[in-house]
Amino acid sequence: MVRAAWDMYGRLNTATAGQQDAEARLATLEAQKKTISASVGQLSSPRGQEALLREHYGVVKPGEGVVQIVAQASTTASGNTAQKGWLKALFHTLFSW
């Protein structure tokens, strides 16, 4: 009778561990399903397809070009550069050995 109870306890532990693994796998699969459903929803429209093609393959429409925005250097930065250049020149003039 003790042996039967021990075997039943072992089976219960195995079943519990299997259930926890199955629940974790189910949660992972449900998250993947949500991600895939969102991707399918996006690809179901022509605008979504175009966005995906542009993002992954760098496709452009005829007549489109690349626009690069470059920030202008601030006036204080150029003033500091000139000041550093002046100090550097003075230093090299005084200590040019």
C-alpha atoms as a PDB file:
ATOM      1  CA  MET A   1       0.000   0.000   0.000  1.00  0.00           C
ATOM      2  CA  VAL A   2       2.890   2.355   0.787  1.00  0.00           C
ATOM      3  CA  ARG A   3       4.487   1.487  -2.535  1.00  0.00           C
ATOM      4  CA  ALA A   4       1.249   2.314  -4.394  1.00  0.00           C
ATOM      5  CA  ALA A   5       1.011   5.665  -2.610  1.00  0.00           C
ATOM      6  CA  TRP A   6       4.671   6.414  -3.439  1.00  0.00           C
ATOM      7  CA  ASP A   7       4.157   5.561  -7.120  1.00  0.00           C
ATOM      8  CA  MET A   8       1.044   7.740  -7.220  1.00  0.00           C
ATOM      9  CA  TYR A   9       3.009  10.634  -5.676  1.00  0.00           C
ATOM     10  CA  GLY A  10       5.729  10.254  -8.338  1.00  0.00           C
ATOM     11  CA  ARG A  11       3.162  10.272 -11.123  1.00  0.00           C
ATOM     12  CA  LEU A  12       1.516  13.360  -9.635  1.00  0.00           C
ATOM     13  CA  ASN A  13       4.874  15.217  -9.610  1.00  0.00           C
ATOM     14  CA  THR A  14       5.541  14.191 -13.216  1.00  0.00           C
ATOM     15  CA  ALA A  15       2.074  15.309 -14.294  1.00  0.00           C
ATOM     16  CA  THR A  16       2.412  18.644 -12.464  1.00  0.00           C
ATOM     17  CA  ALA A  17       5.793  19.359 -14.078  1.00  0.00           C
ATOM     18  CA  GLY A  18       4.373  18.448 -17.489  1.00  0.00           C
ATOM     19  CA  GLN A  19       1.402  20.741 -16.954  1.00  0.00           C
ATOM     20  CA  GLN A  20       3.639  23.671 -15.992  1.00  0.00           C
ATOM     21  CA  ASP A  21       5.798  23.114 -19.088  1.00  0.00           C
ATOM     22  CA  ALA A  22       2.699  22.945 -21.278  1.00  0.00           C
ATOM     23  CA  GLU A  23       1.312  26.167 -19.782  1.00  0.00           C
ATOM     24  CA  ALA A  24       4.608  27.990 -20.336  1.00  0.00           C
ATOM     25  CA  ARG A  25       4.729  26.762 -23.943  1.00  0.00           C
ATOM     26  CA  LEU A  26       1.119  27.833 -24.446  1.00  0.00           C
ATOM     27  CA  ALA A  27       1.897  31.349 -23.186  1.00  0.00           C
ATOM     28  CA  THR A  28       4.872  31.575 -25.579  1.00  0.00           C
ATOM     29  CA  LEU A  29       2.786  30.365 -28.507  1.00  0.00           C
ATOM     30  CA  GLU A  30      -0.019  32.828 -27.723  1.00  0.00           C
ATOM     31  CA  ALA A  31       2.490  35.703 -27.717  1.00  0.00           C
ATOM     32  CA  GLN A  32       3.843  34.508 -31.079  1.00  0.00           C
ATOM     33  CA  LYS A  33       0.284  34.281 -32.402  1.00  0.00           C
ATOM     34  CA  LYS A  34      -0.376  37.913 -31.441  1.00  0.00           C
ATOM     35  CA  THR A  35       2.823  39.038 -33.155  1.00  0.00           C
ATOM     36  CA  ILE A  36       2.048  37.092 -36.314  1.00  0.00           C
ATOM     37  CA  SER A  37      -1.560  38.312 -36.355  1.00  0.00           C
ATOM     38  CA  ALA A  38      -0.333  41.916 -36.159  1.00  0.00           C
ATOM     39  CA  SER A  39       2.104  41.286 -39.024  1.00  0.00           C
ATOM     40  CA  VAL A  40      -0.605  39.675 -41.153  1.00  0.00           C
ATOM     41  CA  GLY A  41      -2.944  42.576 -40.412  1.00  0.00           C
ATOM     42  CA  GLN A  42      -0.278  45.029 -41.496  1.00  0.00           C
ATOM     43  CA  LEU A  43       0.496  43.109 -44.683  1.00  0.00           C
ATOM     44  CA  SER A  44      -3.165  42.847 -45.655  1.00  0.00           C
ATOM     45  CA  SER A  45      -3.186  46.478 -46.801  1.00  0.00           C
ATOM     46  CA  PRO A  46      -1.195  47.903 -49.726  1.00  0.00           C
ATOM     47  CA  ARG A  47       0.197  50.610 -47.464  1.00  0.00           C
ATOM     48  CA  GLY A  48       1.545  48.006 -45.032  1.00  0.00           C
ATOM     49  CA  GLN A  49       3.116  46.025 -47.857  1.00  0.00           C
ATOM     50  CA  GLU A  50       4.786  49.162 -49.194  1.00  0.00           C
ATOM     51  CA  ALA A  51       6.121  50.071 -45.756  1.00  0.00           C
ATOM     52  CA  LEU A  52       7.582  46.601 -45.278  1.00  0.00           C
ATOM     53  CA  LEU A  53       9.228  46.635 -48.716  1.00  0.00           C
ATOM     54  CA  ARG A  54      10.708  50.078 -48.101  1.00  0.00           C
ATOM     55  CA  GLU A  55      12.022  49.094 -44.676  1.00  0.00           C
ATOM     56  CA  HIS A  56      13.572  45.735 -45.557  1.00  0.00           C
ATOM     57  CA  TYR A  57      14.733  46.252 -49.137  1.00  0.00           C
ATOM     58  CA  GLY A  58      15.205  50.005 -49.471  1.00  0.00           C
ATOM     59  CA  VAL A  59      12.740  50.204 -52.364  1.00  0.00           C
ATOM     60  CA  VAL A  60      11.727  53.686 -53.577  1.00  0.00           C
ATOM     61  CA  LYS A  61       9.172  54.929 -56.041  1.00  0.00           C
ATOM     62  CA  PRO A  62      10.314  56.452 -59.327  1.00  0.00           C
ATOM     63  CA  GLY A  63      11.321  60.071 -58.795  1.00  0.00           C
ATOM     64  CA  GLU A  64      12.003  59.672 -55.077  1.00  0.00           C
ATOM     65  CA  GLY A  65      15.407  60.313 -53.612  1.00  0.00           C
ATOM     66  CA  VAL A  66      17.255  60.147 -50.351  1.00  0.00           C
ATOM     67  CA  VAL A  67      17.063  63.162 -48.062  1.00  0.00           C
ATOM     68  CA  GLN A  68      19.783  63.600 -45.469  1.00  0.00           C
ATOM     69  CA  ILE A  69      19.241  66.190 -42.778  1.00  0.00           C
ATOM     70  CA  VAL A  70      22.443  67.641 -41.369  1.00  0.00           C
ATOM     71  CA  ALA A  71      22.328  69.838 -38.289  1.00  0.00           C
ATOM     72  CA  GLN A  72      24.169  73.153 -38.585  1.00  0.00           C
ATOM     73  CA  ALA A  73      26.997  73.784 -36.188  1.00  0.00           C
ATOM     74  CA  SER A  74      26.047  76.306 -33.539  1.00  0.00           C
ATOM     75  CA  THR A  75      27.812  79.683 -33.444  1.00  0.00           C
ATOM     76  CA  THR A  76      29.216  79.013 -29.969  1.00  0.00           C
ATOM     77  CA  ALA A  77      30.914  75.854 -31.188  1.00  0.00           C
ATOM     78  CA  SER A  78      32.660  77.692 -34.028  1.00  0.00           C
ATOM     79  CA  GLY A  79      33.729  80.466 -31.620  1.00  0.00           C
ATOM     80  CA  ASN A  80      35.228  77.891 -29.265  1.00  0.00           C
ATOM     81  CA  THR A  81      37.074  76.272 -32.148  1.00  0.00           C
ATOM     82  CA  ALA A  82      38.612  79.589 -33.179  1.00  0.00           C
ATOM     83  CA  GLN A  83      39.593  80.320 -29.580  1.00  0.00           C
ATOM     84  CA  LYS A  84      41.180  76.892 -29.162  1.00  0.00           C
ATOM     85  CA  GLY A  85      43.047  77.365 -32.434  1.00  0.00           C
ATOM     86  CA  TRP A  86      44.415  80.717 -31.235  1.00  0.00           C
ATOM     87  CA  LEU A  87      45.536  79.272 -27.898  1.00  0.00           C
ATOM     88  CA  LYS A  88      47.068  76.272 -29.587  1.00  0.00           C
ATOM     89  CA  ALA A  89      49.008  78.494 -31.997  1.00  0.00           C
ATOM     90  CA  LEU A  90      50.269  80.645 -29.094  1.00  0.00           C
ATOM     91  CA  PHE A  91      51.338  77.558 -27.144  1.00  0.00           C
ATOM     92  CA  HIS A  92      53.237  76.161 -30.133  1.00  0.00           C
ATOM     93  CA  THR A  93      54.884  79.539 -30.741  1.00  0.00           C
ATOM     94  CA  LEU A  94      56.089  79.871 -27.152  1.00  0.00           C
ATOM     95  CA  PHE A  95      57.067  76.254 -26.597  1.00  0.00           C
ATOM     96  CA  SER A  96      58.305  74.979 -29.954  1.00  0.00           C
ATOM     97  CA  TRP A  97      61.242  72.830 -29.036  1.00  0.00           C
END
